[in-house]
Amino acid sequence: MGDGIFGHNSVGKGSEVSKLSEKYYAERYITARRVFSDEVFRKLAQ
């Protein structure tokens, strides 16, 4: 999503939006990468 905000799924709460600055994620987050190119992602998202 950008600007330190990301969407994710949790077993207890389902889908949610969180901030990387929240204590839990700030202590655990290292890095992330895009797995698909934009073109492939658009095709899969249709």
N, C-alpha and C. Protein backbone atom coordinates (compact mmCIF):
# COMPACT_ATOMS: atom_id res chain seq x y z
N MET A 1 0.82 -1.17 0.00
CA MET A 1 0.00 0.00 0.00
C MET A 1 0.87 1.24 0.00
N GLY A 2 1.98 1.18 0.70
CA GLY A 2 2.94 2.27 0.67
C GLY A 2 2.95 3.13 1.91
N ASP A 3 4.00 3.94 2.00
CA ASP A 3 4.19 4.88 3.11
C ASP A 3 4.11 4.21 4.48
N GLY A 4 4.68 3.00 4.58
CA GLY A 4 4.71 2.32 5.87
C GLY A 4 3.42 1.63 6.26
N ILE A 5 2.46 1.58 5.35
CA ILE A 5 1.17 0.92 5.61
C ILE A 5 1.08 -0.30 4.71
N PHE A 6 0.61 -1.41 5.27
CA PHE A 6 0.52 -2.64 4.48
C PHE A 6 -0.70 -3.45 4.89
N GLY A 7 -1.20 -4.25 3.97
CA GLY A 7 -2.32 -5.14 4.25
C GLY A 7 -1.81 -6.54 4.46
N HIS A 8 -2.46 -7.29 5.35
CA HIS A 8 -2.05 -8.67 5.63
C HIS A 8 -3.23 -9.42 6.23
N ASN A 9 -3.06 -10.71 6.33
CA ASN A 9 -4.08 -11.57 6.93
C ASN A 9 -3.57 -12.16 8.22
N SER A 10 -4.46 -12.28 9.20
CA SER A 10 -4.11 -12.95 10.45
C SER A 10 -5.17 -14.00 10.74
N VAL A 11 -4.80 -15.02 11.44
CA VAL A 11 -5.73 -16.10 11.75
C VAL A 11 -6.87 -15.59 12.63
N GLY A 12 -6.56 -14.80 13.63
CA GLY A 12 -7.57 -14.35 14.58
C GLY A 12 -8.42 -13.19 14.10
N LYS A 13 -7.86 -12.30 13.28
CA LYS A 13 -8.57 -11.08 12.90
C LYS A 13 -8.95 -11.02 11.42
N GLY A 14 -8.48 -11.96 10.61
CA GLY A 14 -8.76 -11.90 9.17
C GLY A 14 -7.90 -10.84 8.51
N SER A 15 -8.39 -10.22 7.44
CA SER A 15 -7.65 -9.19 6.71
C SER A 15 -7.65 -7.89 7.49
N GLU A 16 -6.50 -7.24 7.51
CA GLU A 16 -6.39 -5.96 8.20
C GLU A 16 -5.27 -5.12 7.61
N VAL A 17 -5.27 -3.85 7.94
CA VAL A 17 -4.24 -2.91 7.51
C VAL A 17 -3.48 -2.48 8.75
N SER A 18 -2.14 -2.49 8.64
CA SER A 18 -1.31 -2.12 9.79
C SER A 18 -0.21 -1.16 9.33
N LYS A 19 0.46 -0.55 10.32
CA LYS A 19 1.59 0.34 10.05
C LYS A 19 2.87 -0.34 10.47
N LEU A 20 3.92 -0.20 9.67
CA LEU A 20 5.22 -0.77 10.03
C LEU A 20 5.79 -0.12 11.29
N SER A 21 5.30 1.04 11.64
CA SER A 21 5.79 1.74 12.84
C SER A 21 5.20 1.18 14.13
N GLU A 22 4.16 0.33 14.02
CA GLU A 22 3.61 -0.30 15.23
C GLU A 22 4.71 -1.13 15.89
N LYS A 23 4.74 -1.14 17.20
CA LYS A 23 5.81 -1.79 17.95
C LYS A 23 6.07 -3.22 17.48
N TYR A 24 5.04 -4.02 17.29
CA TYR A 24 5.20 -5.43 16.89
C TYR A 24 5.98 -5.54 15.59
N TYR A 25 5.58 -4.77 14.58
CA TYR A 25 6.23 -4.87 13.27
C TYR A 25 7.57 -4.16 13.25
N ALA A 26 7.71 -3.06 13.97
CA ALA A 26 8.98 -2.34 14.02
C ALA A 26 10.09 -3.21 14.59
N GLU A 27 9.76 -4.10 15.51
CA GLU A 27 10.75 -5.00 16.11
C GLU A 27 11.05 -6.21 15.25
N ARG A 28 10.19 -6.56 14.28
CA ARG A 28 10.31 -7.80 13.53
C ARG A 28 10.56 -7.64 12.04
N TYR A 29 10.14 -6.54 11.45
CA TYR A 29 10.23 -6.35 9.99
C TYR A 29 11.67 -6.17 9.57
N ILE A 30 12.07 -6.89 8.53
CA ILE A 30 13.42 -6.73 7.99
C ILE A 30 13.35 -6.17 6.58
N THR A 31 12.65 -6.87 5.68
CA THR A 31 12.53 -6.42 4.30
C THR A 31 11.39 -7.15 3.61
N ALA A 32 10.98 -6.64 2.49
CA ALA A 32 9.95 -7.29 1.67
C ALA A 32 10.28 -7.05 0.21
N ARG A 33 9.80 -7.94 -0.64
CA ARG A 33 10.03 -7.81 -2.07
C ARG A 33 8.78 -8.17 -2.83
N ARG A 34 8.65 -7.61 -4.00
CA ARG A 34 7.54 -7.97 -4.88
C ARG A 34 7.89 -9.29 -5.55
N VAL A 35 6.98 -10.24 -5.49
CA VAL A 35 7.22 -11.56 -6.06
C VAL A 35 6.93 -11.57 -7.56
N PHE A 36 5.88 -10.88 -7.97
CA PHE A 36 5.48 -10.84 -9.37
C PHE A 36 5.80 -9.47 -9.97
N SER A 37 6.03 -9.45 -11.28
CA SER A 37 6.14 -8.16 -11.96
C SER A 37 4.75 -7.52 -11.99
N ASP A 38 4.69 -6.22 -12.25
CA ASP A 38 3.39 -5.53 -12.33
C ASP A 38 2.50 -6.17 -13.38
N GLU A 39 3.07 -6.53 -14.51
CA GLU A 39 2.29 -7.13 -15.60
C GLU A 39 1.68 -8.47 -15.17
N VAL A 40 2.45 -9.33 -14.57
CA VAL A 40 1.95 -10.63 -14.12
C VAL A 40 0.91 -10.44 -13.03
N PHE A 41 1.15 -9.54 -12.11
CA PHE A 41 0.20 -9.29 -11.03
C PHE A 41 -1.15 -8.85 -11.58
N ARG A 42 -1.14 -7.93 -12.55
CA ARG A 42 -2.39 -7.45 -13.14
C ARG A 42 -3.16 -8.59 -13.78
N LYS A 43 -2.47 -9.48 -14.46
CA LYS A 43 -3.14 -10.63 -15.10
C LYS A 43 -3.75 -11.55 -14.05
N LEU A 44 -3.04 -11.80 -12.98
CA LEU A 44 -3.54 -12.68 -11.92
C LEU A 44 -4.70 -12.06 -11.15
N ALA A 45 -4.70 -10.74 -11.04
CA ALA A 45 -5.72 -10.04 -10.27
C ALA A 45 -7.06 -9.94 -11.01
N GLN A 46 -7.09 -10.26 -12.29
CA GLN A 46 -8.33 -10.14 -13.06
C GLN A 46 -9.32 -11.20 -12.71
